[in-house]
Amino acid sequence: MKQNQTGSGDEEMLDEYDFSNGIRGKYVSRFNKGSNIIVLDPDVAEIFTSSESVNNALRGIADIIRNEINKHNPADRRANGGFR
């Protein structure tokens, strides 16, 4: 079995796997059309272990921001279309 570029072998990869006819990036366009890939730092990833947990946390923060904007600038919010 070949080693990867860093020099360490991947114990999960079996010798009988054959990617010689594989097409690099064949499905990458699917990720570009509706996904926004974000890399979390390891300490953050320990807490937010799924896309759903990250999205829920960000929605909660967005609600707080909306409430603060409405509380402090209700006229500005209406004039500028608000925070969505």
N, C-alpha and C. Protein backbone atom coordinates (compact mmCIF):
# COMPACT_ATOMS: atom_id res chain seq x y z
N MET A 1 0.85 -1.18 0.00
CA MET A 1 0.00 0.00 0.00
C MET A 1 0.89 1.23 0.00
N LYS A 2 0.53 2.22 -0.82
CA LYS A 2 1.30 3.46 -0.89
C LYS A 2 0.99 4.33 0.31
N GLN A 3 1.95 5.15 0.70
CA GLN A 3 1.74 6.10 1.78
C GLN A 3 1.33 7.43 1.20
N ASN A 4 0.61 8.22 2.01
CA ASN A 4 0.22 9.53 1.50
C ASN A 4 1.40 10.49 1.53
N GLN A 5 1.21 11.74 1.07
CA GLN A 5 2.30 12.68 0.90
C GLN A 5 2.99 13.05 2.21
N THR A 6 2.30 12.95 3.33
CA THR A 6 2.94 13.29 4.60
C THR A 6 3.80 12.15 5.12
N GLY A 7 3.72 11.00 4.48
CA GLY A 7 4.58 9.89 4.86
C GLY A 7 3.94 8.89 5.79
N SER A 8 2.73 9.15 6.27
CA SER A 8 2.09 8.20 7.18
C SER A 8 1.06 7.39 6.42
N GLY A 9 0.98 6.11 6.69
CA GLY A 9 0.01 5.24 6.02
C GLY A 9 -1.38 5.44 6.58
N ASP A 10 -2.38 5.15 5.81
CA ASP A 10 -3.77 5.25 6.26
C ASP A 10 -4.27 3.84 6.54
N GLU A 11 -4.42 3.51 7.81
CA GLU A 11 -4.80 2.16 8.21
C GLU A 11 -6.20 1.78 7.74
N GLU A 12 -7.04 2.76 7.42
CA GLU A 12 -8.40 2.49 6.98
C GLU A 12 -8.45 2.05 5.52
N MET A 13 -7.46 2.38 4.74
CA MET A 13 -7.45 2.09 3.31
C MET A 13 -6.90 0.68 3.08
N LEU A 14 -7.70 -0.16 2.46
CA LEU A 14 -7.28 -1.53 2.19
C LEU A 14 -6.57 -1.61 0.85
N ASP A 15 -5.67 -2.59 0.71
CA ASP A 15 -4.91 -2.75 -0.52
C ASP A 15 -5.79 -3.02 -1.73
N GLU A 16 -6.94 -3.66 -1.52
CA GLU A 16 -7.78 -4.01 -2.67
C GLU A 16 -8.61 -2.84 -3.22
N TYR A 17 -8.57 -1.68 -2.57
CA TYR A 17 -9.25 -0.51 -3.12
C TYR A 17 -8.49 -0.05 -4.35
N ASP A 18 -9.20 0.17 -5.45
CA ASP A 18 -8.55 0.58 -6.69
C ASP A 18 -9.20 1.86 -7.20
N PHE A 19 -8.48 2.96 -7.11
CA PHE A 19 -8.98 4.24 -7.58
C PHE A 19 -8.28 4.68 -8.86
N SER A 20 -7.62 3.76 -9.54
CA SER A 20 -6.84 4.12 -10.72
C SER A 20 -7.72 4.67 -11.85
N ASN A 21 -8.98 4.31 -11.90
CA ASN A 21 -9.88 4.84 -12.92
C ASN A 21 -10.81 5.91 -12.38
N GLY A 22 -10.54 6.38 -11.17
CA GLY A 22 -11.38 7.41 -10.56
C GLY A 22 -11.21 8.75 -11.24
N ILE A 23 -12.22 9.59 -11.10
CA ILE A 23 -12.20 10.93 -11.68
C ILE A 23 -12.15 11.92 -10.53
N ARG A 24 -11.06 12.65 -10.44
CA ARG A 24 -10.88 13.61 -9.36
C ARG A 24 -11.90 14.75 -9.51
N GLY A 25 -12.60 15.05 -8.43
CA GLY A 25 -13.54 16.17 -8.41
C GLY A 25 -14.85 15.92 -9.13
N LYS A 26 -15.18 14.67 -9.36
CA LYS A 26 -16.37 14.33 -10.14
C LYS A 26 -17.65 14.93 -9.53
N TYR A 27 -17.75 14.96 -8.24
CA TYR A 27 -18.97 15.43 -7.57
C TYR A 27 -18.80 16.77 -6.86
N VAL A 28 -17.68 17.42 -7.04
CA VAL A 28 -17.41 18.65 -6.31
C VAL A 28 -18.41 19.76 -6.64
N SER A 29 -18.95 19.77 -7.85
CA SER A 29 -19.90 20.83 -8.22
C SER A 29 -21.16 20.77 -7.36
N ARG A 30 -21.50 19.59 -6.86
CA ARG A 30 -22.68 19.47 -5.99
C ARG A 30 -22.49 20.27 -4.70
N PHE A 31 -21.28 20.35 -4.22
CA PHE A 31 -21.02 21.10 -3.01
C PHE A 31 -21.05 22.60 -3.27
N ASN A 32 -20.66 23.01 -4.45
CA ASN A 32 -20.64 24.43 -4.77
C ASN A 32 -22.02 25.03 -4.94
N LYS A 33 -23.01 24.23 -5.25
CA LYS A 33 -24.34 24.73 -5.55
C LYS A 33 -25.23 24.81 -4.33
N GLY A 34 -25.02 25.32 -3.30
CA GLY A 34 -25.96 25.34 -2.20
C GLY A 34 -25.30 24.99 -0.89
N SER A 35 -24.02 24.85 -0.91
CA SER A 35 -23.30 24.59 0.32
C SER A 35 -22.27 25.69 0.53
N ASN A 36 -22.06 25.99 1.76
CA ASN A 36 -21.02 26.93 2.13
C ASN A 36 -20.15 26.21 3.15
N ILE A 37 -19.03 25.70 2.71
CA ILE A 37 -18.17 24.90 3.57
C ILE A 37 -17.36 25.82 4.47
N ILE A 38 -17.44 25.58 5.76
CA ILE A 38 -16.71 26.33 6.76
C ILE A 38 -15.89 25.34 7.58
N VAL A 39 -14.64 25.67 7.85
CA VAL A 39 -13.80 24.80 8.66
C VAL A 39 -13.77 25.35 10.08
N LEU A 40 -14.19 24.52 11.03
CA LEU A 40 -14.20 24.93 12.43
C LEU A 40 -12.86 24.60 13.08
N ASP A 41 -12.43 25.45 13.98
CA ASP A 41 -11.26 25.13 14.78
C ASP A 41 -11.59 23.94 15.67
N PRO A 42 -10.58 23.14 16.02
CA PRO A 42 -10.85 21.91 16.77
C PRO A 42 -11.63 22.13 18.07
N ASP A 43 -11.32 23.21 18.81
CA ASP A 43 -12.03 23.43 20.08
C ASP A 43 -13.50 23.75 19.85
N VAL A 44 -13.82 24.42 18.76
CA VAL A 44 -15.21 24.73 18.43
C VAL A 44 -15.92 23.47 17.94
N ALA A 45 -15.22 22.66 17.14
CA ALA A 45 -15.80 21.43 16.60
C ALA A 45 -16.13 20.43 17.71
N GLU A 46 -15.46 20.51 18.84
CA GLU A 46 -15.79 19.63 19.97
C GLU A 46 -17.19 19.95 20.51
N ILE A 47 -17.59 21.20 20.43
CA ILE A 47 -18.87 21.63 20.96
C ILE A 47 -19.97 21.48 19.91
N PHE A 48 -19.69 21.92 18.69
CA PHE A 48 -20.66 21.87 17.60
C PHE A 48 -20.29 20.71 16.69
N THR A 49 -20.92 19.59 16.91
CA THR A 49 -20.52 18.35 16.24
C THR A 49 -21.30 18.05 14.96
N SER A 50 -22.22 18.95 14.59
CA SER A 50 -23.00 18.72 13.37
C SER A 50 -23.36 20.05 12.74
N SER A 51 -23.72 20.02 11.47
CA SER A 51 -24.19 21.22 10.78
C SER A 51 -25.42 21.79 11.49
N GLU A 52 -26.28 20.90 11.92
CA GLU A 52 -27.51 21.34 12.59
C GLU A 52 -27.20 22.14 13.86
N SER A 53 -26.23 21.68 14.66
CA SER A 53 -25.90 22.40 15.90
C SER A 53 -25.30 23.76 15.61
N VAL A 54 -24.48 23.87 14.58
CA VAL A 54 -23.90 25.16 14.19
C VAL A 54 -25.00 26.08 13.70
N ASN A 55 -25.86 25.59 12.82
CA ASN A 55 -26.94 26.42 12.29
C ASN A 55 -27.89 26.89 13.39
N ASN A 56 -28.23 26.02 14.32
CA ASN A 56 -29.11 26.42 15.42
C ASN A 56 -28.47 27.50 16.28
N ALA A 57 -27.19 27.37 16.56
CA ALA A 57 -26.49 28.39 17.35
C ALA A 57 -26.45 29.73 16.62
N LEU A 58 -26.16 29.69 15.32
CA LEU A 58 -26.11 30.93 14.55
C LEU A 58 -27.49 31.57 14.42
N ARG A 59 -28.53 30.76 14.29
CA ARG A 59 -29.89 31.32 14.25
C ARG A 59 -30.23 32.01 15.57
N GLY A 60 -29.81 31.41 16.68
CA GLY A 60 -30.05 32.03 17.99
C GLY A 60 -29.33 33.36 18.12
N ILE A 61 -28.08 33.41 17.65
CA ILE A 61 -27.33 34.66 17.68
C ILE A 61 -27.98 35.69 16.77
N ALA A 62 -28.44 35.26 15.59
CA ALA A 62 -29.10 36.17 14.66
C ALA A 62 -30.36 36.75 15.28
N ASP A 63 -31.12 35.95 16.03
CA ASP A 63 -32.31 36.45 16.71
C ASP A 63 -31.94 37.53 17.73
N ILE A 64 -30.87 37.31 18.46
CA ILE A 64 -30.40 38.30 19.44
C ILE A 64 -30.04 39.60 18.73
N ILE A 65 -29.33 39.49 17.62
CA ILE A 65 -28.93 40.68 16.86
C ILE A 65 -30.18 41.42 16.36
N ARG A 66 -31.13 40.67 15.80
CA ARG A 66 -32.37 41.30 15.32
C ARG A 66 -33.08 42.05 16.45
N ASN A 67 -33.19 41.40 17.61
CA ASN A 67 -33.86 42.04 18.75
C ASN A 67 -33.15 43.30 19.18
N GLU A 68 -31.83 43.29 19.19
CA GLU A 68 -31.06 44.47 19.59
C GLU A 68 -31.24 45.59 18.56
N ILE A 69 -31.23 45.26 17.30
CA ILE A 69 -31.44 46.28 16.26
C ILE A 69 -32.83 46.88 16.40
N ASN A 70 -33.83 46.04 16.61
CA ASN A 70 -35.21 46.54 16.76
C ASN A 70 -35.37 47.39 18.01
N LYS A 71 -34.68 47.00 19.07
CA LYS A 71 -34.79 47.72 20.33
C LYS A 71 -34.17 49.11 20.23
N HIS A 72 -33.04 49.22 19.55
CA HIS A 72 -32.31 50.48 19.53
C HIS A 72 -32.62 51.36 18.32
N ASN A 73 -33.03 50.79 17.22
CA ASN A 73 -33.24 51.57 16.00
C ASN A 73 -34.50 51.12 15.25
N PRO A 74 -35.66 51.14 15.88
CA PRO A 74 -36.85 50.66 15.17
C PRO A 74 -37.16 51.46 13.91
N ALA A 75 -36.96 52.78 13.91
CA ALA A 75 -37.24 53.60 12.73
C ALA A 75 -36.25 53.29 11.62
N ASP A 76 -34.97 53.15 11.96
CA ASP A 76 -33.95 52.83 10.96
C ASP A 76 -34.22 51.48 10.35
N ARG A 77 -34.67 50.54 11.14
CA ARG A 77 -34.94 49.19 10.65
C ARG A 77 -36.04 49.22 9.60
N ARG A 78 -37.11 49.94 9.89
CA ARG A 78 -38.23 50.01 8.94
C ARG A 78 -37.81 50.72 7.66
N ALA A 79 -37.01 51.78 7.77
CA ALA A 79 -36.61 52.54 6.61
C ALA A 79 -35.66 51.77 5.70
N ASN A 80 -34.83 50.93 6.29
CA ASN A 80 -33.81 50.22 5.51
C ASN A 80 -34.17 48.77 5.20
N GLY A 81 -35.38 48.37 5.45
CA GLY A 81 -35.79 47.02 5.11
C GLY A 81 -35.47 45.98 6.16
N GLY A 82 -34.86 46.38 7.24
CA GLY A 82 -34.64 45.46 8.35
C GLY A 82 -33.46 44.53 8.19
N PHE A 83 -33.22 43.79 9.21
CA PHE A 83 -32.18 42.77 9.26
C PHE A 83 -32.85 41.45 9.03
N ARG A 84 -32.44 40.70 8.05
CA ARG A 84 -33.09 39.42 7.74
C ARG A 84 -32.19 38.28 8.07
